[in-house]
Amino acid sequence: MLHRLAGYVAGSSLVLALLSGVATAQTAERPDVKVGDRWQFAVYWATPSTQPSRVREITAITGSGFEGTENGEPLVLTRDLGVLDSPLEKNSTPETLRFPLEVGKRWRYSTEWIFKPKHSKGTSVVDVIVVGYEKITVPAGEFDAFKLVASATMRGVSGIGSQIDAETKTTYWYAPAARAVVKSVHHNPYLGTSTVELVGVQLR
């Protein structure tokens, strides 16, 4: 009887250890981004592409986040990799990621934004949920990634003065091994559907 009990305890311990390993693998802490980290992304609409059109590189670590370049122009990120300022956009409180990440985590945030190419500006209220943890393949390779879905209500005004009132949805995958969102699919009723995929990465 004692022998059986010992075997049961040992077996249970093994199962718990395995489950603990899975849980650890499915929790992502804030990445240790370093100066010199560099990512290349392909951005496309209708036709898939592997040609890099967005290149980001970290040049400095600050008390509040990171500074770098995007296609040679200034880039400012929060500690959680939210885009505060880039050649395309400015955001007051970007929280597309909120570490630590784990499946089932939810959060809501509000941000003021400027979309520079269209000279439009406004506010968004965004609900985010981490819906899964899965393998995803992009041109840069295969990654274990957290899958997130963000649903946003946008209000604002365009560069020509027309009102912006839209619901958008973004599905994106954050891969701890890449220290980045490796794929993002964004649905916007004004701009259509755009996809961003990681095509190259160099980490220090």
N, C-alpha and C. Protein backbone atom coordinates (compact mmCIF):
# COMPACT_ATOMS: atom_id res chain seq x y z
N MET A 1 0.83 -1.20 0.00
CA MET A 1 0.00 0.00 0.00
C MET A 1 0.86 1.26 0.00
N LEU A 2 1.87 1.24 0.89
CA LEU A 2 2.79 2.38 0.95
C LEU A 2 3.54 2.54 -0.36
N HIS A 3 3.90 1.39 -0.97
CA HIS A 3 4.62 1.43 -2.24
C HIS A 3 3.76 2.08 -3.31
N ARG A 4 2.46 1.70 -3.33
CA ARG A 4 1.55 2.30 -4.31
C ARG A 4 1.38 3.81 -4.06
N LEU A 5 1.28 4.16 -2.77
CA LEU A 5 1.12 5.57 -2.41
C LEU A 5 2.33 6.39 -2.84
N ALA A 6 3.53 5.83 -2.62
CA ALA A 6 4.75 6.52 -3.02
C ALA A 6 4.79 6.72 -4.53
N GLY A 7 4.37 5.67 -5.27
CA GLY A 7 4.34 5.79 -6.72
C GLY A 7 3.36 6.83 -7.18
N TYR A 8 2.20 6.89 -6.49
CA TYR A 8 1.18 7.88 -6.84
C TYR A 8 1.70 9.29 -6.60
N VAL A 9 2.35 9.50 -5.44
CA VAL A 9 2.90 10.82 -5.11
C VAL A 9 3.96 11.23 -6.12
N ALA A 10 4.86 10.28 -6.47
CA ALA A 10 5.91 10.57 -7.45
C ALA A 10 5.31 10.94 -8.79
N GLY A 11 4.29 10.14 -9.21
CA GLY A 11 3.63 10.43 -10.48
C GLY A 11 2.95 11.78 -10.47
N SER A 12 2.29 12.09 -9.35
CA SER A 12 1.61 13.38 -9.24
C SER A 12 2.61 14.52 -9.28
N SER A 13 3.75 14.33 -8.64
CA SER A 13 4.78 15.36 -8.64
C SER A 13 5.29 15.62 -10.05
N LEU A 14 5.44 14.53 -10.83
CA LEU A 14 5.90 14.68 -12.21
C LEU A 14 4.88 15.46 -13.03
N VAL A 15 3.60 15.12 -12.86
CA VAL A 15 2.54 15.82 -13.59
C VAL A 15 2.53 17.31 -13.22
N LEU A 16 2.64 17.59 -11.91
CA LEU A 16 2.65 18.99 -11.46
C LEU A 16 3.85 19.74 -12.01
N ALA A 17 4.98 19.06 -12.06
CA ALA A 17 6.18 19.70 -12.60
C ALA A 17 6.00 20.03 -14.06
N LEU A 18 5.40 19.07 -14.81
CA LEU A 18 5.17 19.31 -16.23
C LEU A 18 4.19 20.45 -16.43
N LEU A 19 3.12 20.46 -15.64
CA LEU A 19 2.14 21.54 -15.76
C LEU A 19 2.76 22.88 -15.39
N SER A 20 3.63 22.86 -14.37
CA SER A 20 4.31 24.09 -13.97
C SER A 20 5.17 24.62 -15.10
N GLY A 21 5.85 23.70 -15.82
CA GLY A 21 6.67 24.11 -16.96
C GLY A 21 5.84 24.74 -18.05
N VAL A 22 4.65 24.15 -18.31
CA VAL A 22 3.76 24.70 -19.32
C VAL A 22 3.30 26.09 -18.92
N ALA A 23 2.92 26.24 -17.61
CA ALA A 23 2.45 27.54 -17.14
C ALA A 23 3.53 28.59 -17.29
N THR A 24 4.78 28.20 -16.95
CA THR A 24 5.88 29.14 -17.06
C THR A 24 6.09 29.55 -18.52
N ALA A 25 5.99 28.56 -19.41
CA ALA A 25 6.20 28.85 -20.83
C ALA A 25 5.12 29.78 -21.37
N GLN A 26 3.93 29.76 -20.72
CA GLN A 26 2.82 30.56 -21.21
C GLN A 26 2.63 31.85 -20.43
N THR A 27 3.68 32.30 -19.79
CA THR A 27 3.70 33.61 -19.15
C THR A 27 4.91 34.36 -19.68
N ALA A 28 4.68 35.56 -20.19
CA ALA A 28 5.79 36.35 -20.75
C ALA A 28 6.00 37.60 -19.91
N GLU A 29 7.20 37.75 -19.39
CA GLU A 29 7.56 38.96 -18.67
C GLU A 29 8.01 40.02 -19.68
N ARG A 30 8.16 41.23 -19.20
CA ARG A 30 8.63 42.33 -20.05
C ARG A 30 9.98 41.96 -20.67
N PRO A 31 10.14 42.13 -21.99
CA PRO A 31 11.39 41.68 -22.64
C PRO A 31 12.59 42.54 -22.27
N ASP A 32 13.75 41.90 -22.30
CA ASP A 32 15.01 42.58 -22.01
C ASP A 32 15.57 43.16 -23.31
N VAL A 33 14.93 44.22 -23.78
CA VAL A 33 15.34 44.85 -25.03
C VAL A 33 16.70 45.52 -24.84
N LYS A 34 17.56 45.41 -25.86
CA LYS A 34 18.92 45.95 -25.75
C LYS A 34 19.22 46.90 -26.91
N VAL A 35 20.16 47.79 -26.65
CA VAL A 35 20.64 48.67 -27.73
C VAL A 35 21.23 47.81 -28.84
N GLY A 36 20.82 48.05 -30.05
CA GLY A 36 21.28 47.27 -31.18
C GLY A 36 20.27 46.25 -31.66
N ASP A 37 19.22 45.97 -30.87
CA ASP A 37 18.16 45.08 -31.35
C ASP A 37 17.54 45.69 -32.60
N ARG A 38 17.29 44.84 -33.60
CA ARG A 38 16.85 45.34 -34.90
C ARG A 38 15.83 44.37 -35.50
N TRP A 39 14.74 44.93 -36.01
CA TRP A 39 13.68 44.13 -36.60
C TRP A 39 13.33 44.68 -37.98
N GLN A 40 13.07 43.77 -38.90
CA GLN A 40 12.61 44.15 -40.24
C GLN A 40 11.21 43.58 -40.45
N PHE A 41 10.30 44.43 -40.93
CA PHE A 41 8.92 44.02 -41.14
C PHE A 41 8.49 44.28 -42.58
N ALA A 42 7.64 43.40 -43.07
CA ALA A 42 6.95 43.63 -44.34
C ALA A 42 5.54 44.11 -44.02
N VAL A 43 5.12 45.18 -44.66
CA VAL A 43 3.78 45.73 -44.47
C VAL A 43 3.05 45.65 -45.81
N TYR A 44 1.86 45.03 -45.81
CA TYR A 44 1.14 44.91 -47.08
C TYR A 44 -0.36 44.92 -46.84
N TRP A 45 -1.09 45.15 -47.93
CA TRP A 45 -2.55 45.18 -47.89
C TRP A 45 -3.09 43.92 -48.60
N ALA A 46 -3.36 43.97 -49.87
CA ALA A 46 -3.99 42.83 -50.56
C ALA A 46 -3.02 41.71 -50.89
N THR A 47 -1.83 42.04 -51.36
CA THR A 47 -0.89 41.04 -51.85
C THR A 47 0.22 40.78 -50.82
N PRO A 48 0.36 39.55 -50.32
CA PRO A 48 1.43 39.26 -49.35
C PRO A 48 2.81 39.61 -49.90
N SER A 49 3.67 40.05 -49.00
CA SER A 49 5.03 40.45 -49.38
C SER A 49 6.01 40.03 -48.30
N THR A 50 7.23 39.74 -48.71
CA THR A 50 8.32 39.47 -47.76
C THR A 50 9.39 40.55 -47.87
N GLN A 51 9.12 41.58 -48.62
CA GLN A 51 10.07 42.67 -48.80
C GLN A 51 10.01 43.61 -47.60
N PRO A 52 11.11 43.79 -46.86
CA PRO A 52 11.05 44.67 -45.69
C PRO A 52 10.78 46.12 -46.08
N SER A 53 9.77 46.69 -45.43
CA SER A 53 9.43 48.09 -45.68
C SER A 53 9.40 48.90 -44.39
N ARG A 54 9.61 48.24 -43.27
CA ARG A 54 9.69 48.93 -41.98
C ARG A 54 10.83 48.31 -41.18
N VAL A 55 11.82 49.12 -40.87
CA VAL A 55 13.00 48.64 -40.14
C VAL A 55 13.14 49.45 -38.85
N ARG A 56 13.12 48.74 -37.74
CA ARG A 56 13.26 49.40 -36.44
C ARG A 56 14.54 48.95 -35.75
N GLU A 57 15.21 49.90 -35.10
CA GLU A 57 16.44 49.58 -34.36
C GLU A 57 16.47 50.41 -33.09
N ILE A 58 16.86 49.76 -31.99
CA ILE A 58 16.96 50.43 -30.69
C ILE A 58 18.34 51.09 -30.57
N THR A 59 18.32 52.37 -30.21
CA THR A 59 19.58 53.11 -30.07
C THR A 59 19.86 53.56 -28.64
N ALA A 60 18.83 53.57 -27.77
CA ALA A 60 19.02 54.01 -26.39
C ALA A 60 17.93 53.45 -25.50
N ILE A 61 18.30 53.19 -24.24
CA ILE A 61 17.35 52.77 -23.22
C ILE A 61 17.21 53.92 -22.23
N THR A 62 15.97 54.36 -22.01
CA THR A 62 15.72 55.49 -21.11
C THR A 62 14.96 55.01 -19.87
N GLY A 63 14.72 55.93 -18.95
CA GLY A 63 14.00 55.56 -17.74
C GLY A 63 12.57 55.15 -18.01
N SER A 64 11.98 55.66 -19.09
CA SER A 64 10.57 55.39 -19.37
C SER A 64 10.35 54.43 -20.54
N GLY A 65 11.43 54.07 -21.24
CA GLY A 65 11.24 53.18 -22.38
C GLY A 65 12.46 53.09 -23.27
N PHE A 66 12.24 53.17 -24.57
CA PHE A 66 13.32 52.97 -25.54
C PHE A 66 13.25 54.04 -26.62
N GLU A 67 14.41 54.40 -27.13
CA GLU A 67 14.50 55.28 -28.29
C GLU A 67 15.20 54.53 -29.40
N GLY A 68 14.84 54.88 -30.62
CA GLY A 68 15.46 54.20 -31.75
C GLY A 68 15.10 54.88 -33.04
N THR A 69 15.16 54.12 -34.11
CA THR A 69 14.81 54.64 -35.42
C THR A 69 13.84 53.69 -36.11
N GLU A 70 12.99 54.26 -36.95
CA GLU A 70 12.13 53.49 -37.84
C GLU A 70 12.35 54.03 -39.24
N ASN A 71 12.94 53.23 -40.08
CA ASN A 71 13.33 53.68 -41.43
C ASN A 71 14.17 54.95 -41.37
N GLY A 72 15.03 55.02 -40.36
CA GLY A 72 15.96 56.13 -40.22
C GLY A 72 15.40 57.35 -39.52
N GLU A 73 14.12 57.34 -39.16
CA GLU A 73 13.49 58.47 -38.47
C GLU A 73 13.25 58.12 -37.01
N PRO A 74 13.04 59.15 -36.15
CA PRO A 74 12.92 58.89 -34.71
C PRO A 74 11.78 57.95 -34.34
N LEU A 75 12.06 57.09 -33.37
CA LEU A 75 11.09 56.14 -32.83
C LEU A 75 11.19 56.16 -31.32
N VAL A 76 10.05 56.25 -30.64
CA VAL A 76 10.01 56.24 -29.18
C VAL A 76 9.01 55.19 -28.74
N LEU A 77 9.46 54.27 -27.87
CA LEU A 77 8.62 53.18 -27.38
C LEU A 77 8.52 53.23 -25.86
N THR A 78 7.40 52.72 -25.33
CA THR A 78 7.27 52.55 -23.89
C THR A 78 8.05 51.31 -23.45
N ARG A 79 8.12 51.08 -22.15
CA ARG A 79 8.79 49.88 -21.64
C ARG A 79 8.08 48.61 -22.09
N ASP A 80 6.77 48.73 -22.38
CA ASP A 80 6.00 47.59 -22.86
C ASP A 80 5.88 47.57 -24.39
N LEU A 81 6.77 48.30 -25.05
CA LEU A 81 6.90 48.30 -26.52
C LEU A 81 5.76 49.02 -27.24
N GLY A 82 4.97 49.82 -26.53
CA GLY A 82 3.96 50.62 -27.18
C GLY A 82 4.60 51.78 -27.94
N VAL A 83 4.03 52.14 -29.10
CA VAL A 83 4.60 53.20 -29.93
C VAL A 83 4.09 54.56 -29.46
N LEU A 84 4.98 55.34 -28.85
CA LEU A 84 4.65 56.71 -28.47
C LEU A 84 4.79 57.66 -29.65
N ASP A 85 5.84 57.45 -30.44
CA ASP A 85 6.09 58.32 -31.59
C ASP A 85 6.88 57.56 -32.63
N SER A 86 6.44 57.69 -33.89
CA SER A 86 7.12 57.05 -35.02
C SER A 86 6.86 57.90 -36.25
N PRO A 87 7.46 57.55 -37.38
CA PRO A 87 7.16 58.31 -38.60
C PRO A 87 5.69 58.27 -39.00
N LEU A 88 4.95 57.25 -38.54
CA LEU A 88 3.55 57.11 -38.92
C LEU A 88 2.56 57.67 -37.91
N GLU A 89 2.89 57.57 -36.61
CA GLU A 89 1.88 57.86 -35.61
C GLU A 89 2.46 58.38 -34.31
N LYS A 90 1.56 59.03 -33.53
CA LYS A 90 1.85 59.40 -32.15
C LYS A 90 0.69 58.91 -31.30
N ASN A 91 0.99 58.39 -30.11
CA ASN A 91 -0.03 57.91 -29.19
C ASN A 91 0.29 58.39 -27.78
N SER A 92 -0.72 58.80 -27.03
CA SER A 92 -0.48 59.30 -25.69
C SER A 92 -0.22 58.17 -24.69
N THR A 93 -1.00 57.10 -24.77
CA THR A 93 -0.86 55.99 -23.82
C THR A 93 -1.06 54.66 -24.53
N PRO A 94 -0.13 54.27 -25.38
CA PRO A 94 -0.28 53.01 -26.12
C PRO A 94 -0.05 51.80 -25.23
N GLU A 95 -1.01 50.88 -25.19
CA GLU A 95 -0.87 49.69 -24.36
C GLU A 95 -1.29 48.45 -25.14
N THR A 96 -0.77 48.33 -26.35
CA THR A 96 -1.07 47.13 -27.13
C THR A 96 -0.56 45.87 -26.43
N LEU A 97 0.49 46.02 -25.62
CA LEU A 97 0.99 44.95 -24.77
C LEU A 97 1.02 45.46 -23.34
N ARG A 98 0.69 44.60 -22.41
CA ARG A 98 0.78 44.94 -20.99
C ARG A 98 1.34 43.72 -20.27
N PHE A 99 2.62 43.79 -19.94
CA PHE A 99 3.29 42.65 -19.32
C PHE A 99 3.03 42.59 -17.82
N PRO A 100 3.06 41.35 -17.26
CA PRO A 100 3.29 40.07 -17.93
C PRO A 100 2.06 39.64 -18.73
N LEU A 101 2.31 38.86 -19.78
CA LEU A 101 1.23 38.33 -20.61
C LEU A 101 0.91 36.91 -20.19
N GLU A 102 -0.35 36.56 -20.22
CA GLU A 102 -0.79 35.19 -20.01
C GLU A 102 -2.16 35.03 -20.64
N VAL A 103 -2.45 33.82 -21.06
CA VAL A 103 -3.71 33.55 -21.74
C VAL A 103 -4.87 33.89 -20.81
N GLY A 104 -5.84 34.62 -21.34
CA GLY A 104 -7.01 35.03 -20.56
C GLY A 104 -6.92 36.43 -20.00
N LYS A 105 -5.73 37.03 -19.99
CA LYS A 105 -5.59 38.38 -19.46
C LYS A 105 -6.33 39.38 -20.34
N ARG A 106 -6.99 40.34 -19.69
CA ARG A 106 -7.74 41.39 -20.39
C ARG A 106 -7.37 42.75 -19.82
N TRP A 107 -7.45 43.76 -20.66
CA TRP A 107 -7.31 45.13 -20.17
C TRP A 107 -7.96 46.10 -21.15
N ARG A 108 -8.22 47.30 -20.65
CA ARG A 108 -8.78 48.38 -21.47
C ARG A 108 -7.91 49.61 -21.29
N TYR A 109 -7.71 50.33 -22.37
CA TYR A 109 -6.98 51.59 -22.27
C TYR A 109 -7.55 52.61 -23.25
N SER A 110 -7.32 53.87 -22.93
CA SER A 110 -7.72 54.98 -23.80
C SER A 110 -6.47 55.72 -24.23
N THR A 111 -6.45 56.17 -25.47
CA THR A 111 -5.28 56.88 -25.98
C THR A 111 -5.70 57.97 -26.96
N GLU A 112 -4.96 59.05 -26.96
CA GLU A 112 -5.10 60.07 -28.00
C GLU A 112 -4.08 59.76 -29.08
N TRP A 113 -4.47 59.88 -30.34
CA TRP A 113 -3.58 59.48 -31.43
C TRP A 113 -3.55 60.51 -32.55
N ILE A 114 -2.45 60.48 -33.27
CA ILE A 114 -2.29 61.25 -34.51
C ILE A 114 -1.76 60.29 -35.56
N PHE A 115 -2.45 60.20 -36.71
CA PHE A 115 -1.98 59.40 -37.83
C PHE A 115 -1.38 60.36 -38.85
N LYS A 116 -0.06 60.39 -38.88
CA LYS A 116 0.66 61.43 -39.60
C LYS A 116 0.41 61.45 -41.11
N PRO A 117 0.39 60.31 -41.81
CA PRO A 117 0.22 60.37 -43.27
C PRO A 117 -1.09 61.04 -43.71
N LYS A 118 -2.15 60.89 -42.91
CA LYS A 118 -3.45 61.45 -43.28
C LYS A 118 -3.77 62.74 -42.52
N HIS A 119 -2.85 63.16 -41.64
CA HIS A 119 -3.06 64.35 -40.81
C HIS A 119 -4.36 64.24 -40.02
N SER A 120 -4.68 63.04 -39.58
CA SER A 120 -5.89 62.82 -38.80
C SER A 120 -5.52 62.63 -37.33
N LYS A 121 -6.48 62.91 -36.45
CA LYS A 121 -6.22 62.77 -35.02
C LYS A 121 -7.53 62.46 -34.30
N GLY A 122 -7.39 61.90 -33.10
CA GLY A 122 -8.58 61.55 -32.36
C GLY A 122 -8.26 60.78 -31.10
N THR A 123 -9.24 60.03 -30.62
CA THR A 123 -9.08 59.21 -29.43
C THR A 123 -9.60 57.81 -29.72
N SER A 124 -9.09 56.85 -28.98
CA SER A 124 -9.56 55.46 -29.09
C SER A 124 -9.70 54.86 -27.70
N VAL A 125 -10.74 54.06 -27.54
CA VAL A 125 -10.90 53.22 -26.36
C VAL A 125 -10.73 51.79 -26.84
N VAL A 126 -9.78 51.08 -26.24
CA VAL A 126 -9.37 49.77 -26.77
C VAL A 126 -9.52 48.69 -25.70
N ASP A 127 -10.16 47.60 -26.09
CA ASP A 127 -10.25 46.41 -25.23
C ASP A 127 -9.36 45.33 -25.81
N VAL A 128 -8.48 44.78 -24.97
CA VAL A 128 -7.52 43.78 -25.41
C VAL A 128 -7.71 42.50 -24.61
N ILE A 129 -7.60 41.37 -25.27
CA ILE A 129 -7.62 40.08 -24.59
C ILE A 129 -6.55 39.18 -25.19
N VAL A 130 -5.85 38.44 -24.33
CA VAL A 130 -4.89 37.44 -24.78
C VAL A 130 -5.68 36.15 -24.96
N VAL A 131 -5.88 35.75 -26.21
CA VAL A 131 -6.80 34.64 -26.50
C VAL A 131 -6.12 33.29 -26.63
N GLY A 132 -4.80 33.26 -26.77
CA GLY A 132 -4.16 31.96 -26.94
C GLY A 132 -2.65 32.04 -26.93
N TYR A 133 -2.04 30.86 -26.98
CA TYR A 133 -0.59 30.71 -27.04
C TYR A 133 -0.33 29.62 -28.06
N GLU A 134 0.33 29.95 -29.16
CA GLU A 134 0.42 29.01 -30.27
C GLU A 134 1.66 29.26 -31.10
N LYS A 135 1.94 28.33 -31.99
CA LYS A 135 3.04 28.53 -32.93
C LYS A 135 2.54 29.32 -34.13
N ILE A 136 3.36 30.23 -34.60
CA ILE A 136 3.02 31.00 -35.79
C ILE A 136 4.25 31.08 -36.68
N THR A 137 4.03 30.97 -37.97
CA THR A 137 5.12 31.04 -38.94
C THR A 137 5.01 32.32 -39.74
N VAL A 138 6.09 33.08 -39.74
CA VAL A 138 6.20 34.31 -40.52
C VAL A 138 7.50 34.20 -41.34
N PRO A 139 7.75 35.12 -42.25
CA PRO A 139 8.98 35.01 -43.05
C PRO A 139 10.27 34.89 -42.24
N ALA A 140 10.29 35.44 -41.02
CA ALA A 140 11.50 35.36 -40.19
C ALA A 140 11.66 34.00 -39.52
N GLY A 141 10.61 33.15 -39.57
CA GLY A 141 10.72 31.83 -38.96
C GLY A 141 9.48 31.45 -38.17
N GLU A 142 9.60 30.36 -37.41
CA GLU A 142 8.49 29.88 -36.59
C GLU A 142 8.72 30.30 -35.14
N PHE A 143 7.67 30.80 -34.49
CA PHE A 143 7.79 31.30 -33.13
C PHE A 143 6.63 30.79 -32.28
N ASP A 144 6.90 30.57 -30.98
CA ASP A 144 5.84 30.39 -30.00
C ASP A 144 5.38 31.78 -29.61
N ALA A 145 4.08 32.03 -29.71
CA ALA A 145 3.61 33.41 -29.56
C ALA A 145 2.27 33.47 -28.83
N PHE A 146 2.06 34.58 -28.16
CA PHE A 146 0.77 34.90 -27.55
C PHE A 146 -0.09 35.57 -28.62
N LYS A 147 -1.31 35.09 -28.76
CA LYS A 147 -2.25 35.69 -29.71
C LYS A 147 -3.16 36.64 -28.96
N LEU A 148 -3.23 37.88 -29.43
CA LEU A 148 -4.04 38.91 -28.79
C LEU A 148 -5.04 39.47 -29.79
N VAL A 149 -6.18 39.91 -29.28
CA VAL A 149 -7.17 40.59 -30.11
C VAL A 149 -7.53 41.91 -29.43
N ALA A 150 -7.45 42.99 -30.20
CA ALA A 150 -7.78 44.33 -29.70
C ALA A 150 -8.95 44.89 -30.50
N SER A 151 -10.02 45.27 -29.80
CA SER A 151 -11.18 45.89 -30.42
C SER A 151 -11.25 47.34 -29.97
N ALA A 152 -11.28 48.25 -30.94
CA ALA A 152 -11.18 49.68 -30.60
C ALA A 152 -12.36 50.47 -31.16
N THR A 153 -12.78 51.46 -30.39
CA THR A 153 -13.74 52.46 -30.85
C THR A 153 -12.98 53.75 -31.09
N MET A 154 -12.95 54.20 -32.34
CA MET A 154 -12.19 55.40 -32.73
C MET A 154 -13.12 56.58 -32.95
N ARG A 155 -12.71 57.74 -32.45
CA ARG A 155 -13.41 58.98 -32.70
C ARG A 155 -12.37 60.04 -33.04
N GLY A 156 -12.64 60.84 -34.06
CA GLY A 156 -11.67 61.88 -34.40
C GLY A 156 -12.07 62.66 -35.62
N VAL A 157 -11.07 63.29 -36.21
CA VAL A 157 -11.30 64.11 -37.39
C VAL A 157 -10.15 63.90 -38.38
N SER A 158 -10.48 63.84 -39.66
CA SER A 158 -9.47 63.61 -40.69
C SER A 158 -8.77 64.92 -41.04
N GLY A 159 -7.75 64.79 -41.88
CA GLY A 159 -6.99 65.96 -42.30
C GLY A 159 -7.81 66.94 -43.13
N ILE A 160 -8.92 66.49 -43.71
CA ILE A 160 -9.78 67.38 -44.51
C ILE A 160 -11.01 67.82 -43.73
N GLY A 161 -11.05 67.48 -42.44
CA GLY A 161 -12.12 67.97 -41.59
C GLY A 161 -13.31 67.05 -41.42
N SER A 162 -13.34 65.89 -42.06
CA SER A 162 -14.46 64.98 -41.91
C SER A 162 -14.34 64.19 -40.60
N GLN A 163 -15.49 63.81 -40.06
CA GLN A 163 -15.51 63.09 -38.80
C GLN A 163 -15.10 61.63 -38.97
N ILE A 164 -14.37 61.11 -37.99
CA ILE A 164 -13.98 59.71 -37.96
C ILE A 164 -14.76 59.05 -36.82
N ASP A 165 -15.49 58.01 -37.16
CA ASP A 165 -16.28 57.26 -36.18
C ASP A 165 -16.26 55.81 -36.62
N ALA A 166 -15.43 55.01 -35.99
CA ALA A 166 -15.21 53.65 -36.53
C ALA A 166 -14.90 52.65 -35.42
N GLU A 167 -15.21 51.39 -35.75
CA GLU A 167 -14.81 50.26 -34.91
C GLU A 167 -13.70 49.52 -35.67
N THR A 168 -12.59 49.28 -35.02
CA THR A 168 -11.49 48.56 -35.64
C THR A 168 -11.17 47.31 -34.84
N LYS A 169 -10.52 46.36 -35.49
CA LYS A 169 -10.11 45.13 -34.82
C LYS A 169 -8.71 44.75 -35.29
N THR A 170 -7.87 44.41 -34.35
CA THR A 170 -6.50 44.00 -34.66
C THR A 170 -6.21 42.67 -33.97
N THR A 171 -5.73 41.71 -34.74
CA THR A 171 -5.26 40.44 -34.19
C THR A 171 -3.75 40.41 -34.35
N TYR A 172 -3.05 40.12 -33.26
CA TYR A 172 -1.59 40.16 -33.34
C TYR A 172 -0.96 39.13 -32.42
N TRP A 173 0.29 38.78 -32.77
CA TRP A 173 1.02 37.70 -32.09
C TRP A 173 2.33 38.25 -31.55
N TYR A 174 2.52 38.15 -30.24
CA TYR A 174 3.77 38.57 -29.61
C TYR A 174 4.61 37.34 -29.30
N ALA A 175 5.86 37.33 -29.79
CA ALA A 175 6.77 36.21 -29.58
C ALA A 175 7.89 36.63 -28.63
N PRO A 176 7.95 36.06 -27.43
CA PRO A 176 9.02 36.43 -26.49
C PRO A 176 10.42 36.25 -27.07
N ALA A 177 10.64 35.21 -27.89
CA ALA A 177 11.97 34.95 -28.44
C ALA A 177 12.41 36.05 -29.40
N ALA A 178 11.47 36.75 -30.00
CA ALA A 178 11.80 37.83 -30.93
C ALA A 178 11.75 39.20 -30.27
N ARG A 179 11.25 39.26 -29.02
CA ARG A 179 11.06 40.53 -28.31
C ARG A 179 10.18 41.48 -29.11
N ALA A 180 9.19 40.95 -29.81
CA ALA A 180 8.40 41.79 -30.71
C ALA A 180 7.09 41.12 -31.09
N VAL A 181 6.15 41.95 -31.57
CA VAL A 181 4.97 41.43 -32.25
C VAL A 181 5.42 40.99 -33.63
N VAL A 182 5.28 39.69 -33.92
CA VAL A 182 5.82 39.15 -35.16
C VAL A 182 4.80 39.17 -36.30
N LYS A 183 3.51 39.33 -35.95
CA LYS A 183 2.49 39.46 -36.99
C LYS A 183 1.32 40.25 -36.44
N SER A 184 0.74 41.08 -37.31
CA SER A 184 -0.42 41.88 -36.94
C SER A 184 -1.32 42.02 -38.15
N VAL A 185 -2.63 41.81 -37.93
CA VAL A 185 -3.62 41.99 -38.99
C VAL A 185 -4.64 43.01 -38.48
N HIS A 186 -4.71 44.15 -39.15
CA HIS A 186 -5.53 45.27 -38.68
C HIS A 186 -6.65 45.56 -39.66
N HIS A 187 -7.89 45.57 -39.15
CA HIS A 187 -9.07 45.87 -39.96
C HIS A 187 -9.57 47.27 -39.60
N ASN A 188 -9.56 48.16 -40.58
CA ASN A 188 -10.00 49.54 -40.40
C ASN A 188 -10.95 49.89 -41.55
N PRO A 189 -12.19 50.33 -41.26
CA PRO A 189 -13.15 50.59 -42.35
C PRO A 189 -12.73 51.72 -43.28
N TYR A 190 -11.84 52.59 -42.83
CA TYR A 190 -11.37 53.70 -43.67
C TYR A 190 -10.17 53.31 -44.52
N LEU A 191 -9.28 52.48 -43.95
CA LEU A 191 -8.02 52.16 -44.63
C LEU A 191 -7.98 50.74 -45.19
N GLY A 192 -8.95 49.90 -44.84
CA GLY A 192 -8.94 48.52 -45.29
C GLY A 192 -8.19 47.62 -44.32
N THR A 193 -7.75 46.47 -44.80
CA THR A 193 -7.04 45.49 -43.97
C THR A 193 -5.56 45.49 -44.30
N SER A 194 -4.76 45.71 -43.28
CA SER A 194 -3.30 45.71 -43.48
C SER A 194 -2.67 44.63 -42.63
N THR A 195 -1.57 44.08 -43.12
CA THR A 195 -0.84 43.03 -42.42
C THR A 195 0.61 43.43 -42.27
N VAL A 196 1.15 43.16 -41.09
CA VAL A 196 2.58 43.40 -40.82
C VAL A 196 3.18 42.08 -40.36
N GLU A 197 4.29 41.67 -40.99
CA GLU A 197 4.96 40.42 -40.61
C GLU A 197 6.45 40.64 -40.44
N LEU A 198 7.02 39.97 -39.45
CA LEU A 198 8.46 40.02 -39.22
C LEU A 198 9.18 39.22 -40.30
N VAL A 199 10.14 39.85 -40.98
CA VAL A 199 10.90 39.15 -42.02
C VAL A 199 12.37 38.98 -41.65
N GLY A 200 12.81 39.68 -40.60
CA GLY A 200 14.20 39.54 -40.16
C GLY A 200 14.38 40.13 -38.78
N VAL A 201 15.25 39.53 -37.97
CA VAL A 201 15.49 40.02 -36.61
C VAL A 201 16.94 39.78 -36.23
N GLN A 202 17.53 40.77 -35.55
CA GLN A 202 18.89 40.65 -35.01
C GLN A 202 18.82 41.16 -33.58
N LEU A 203 19.07 40.27 -32.61
CA LEU A 203 19.01 40.62 -31.21
C LEU A 203 20.39 40.57 -30.57
N ARG A 204 20.63 41.53 -29.70
CA ARG A 204 21.92 41.59 -28.99
C ARG A 204 21.89 40.73 -27.74
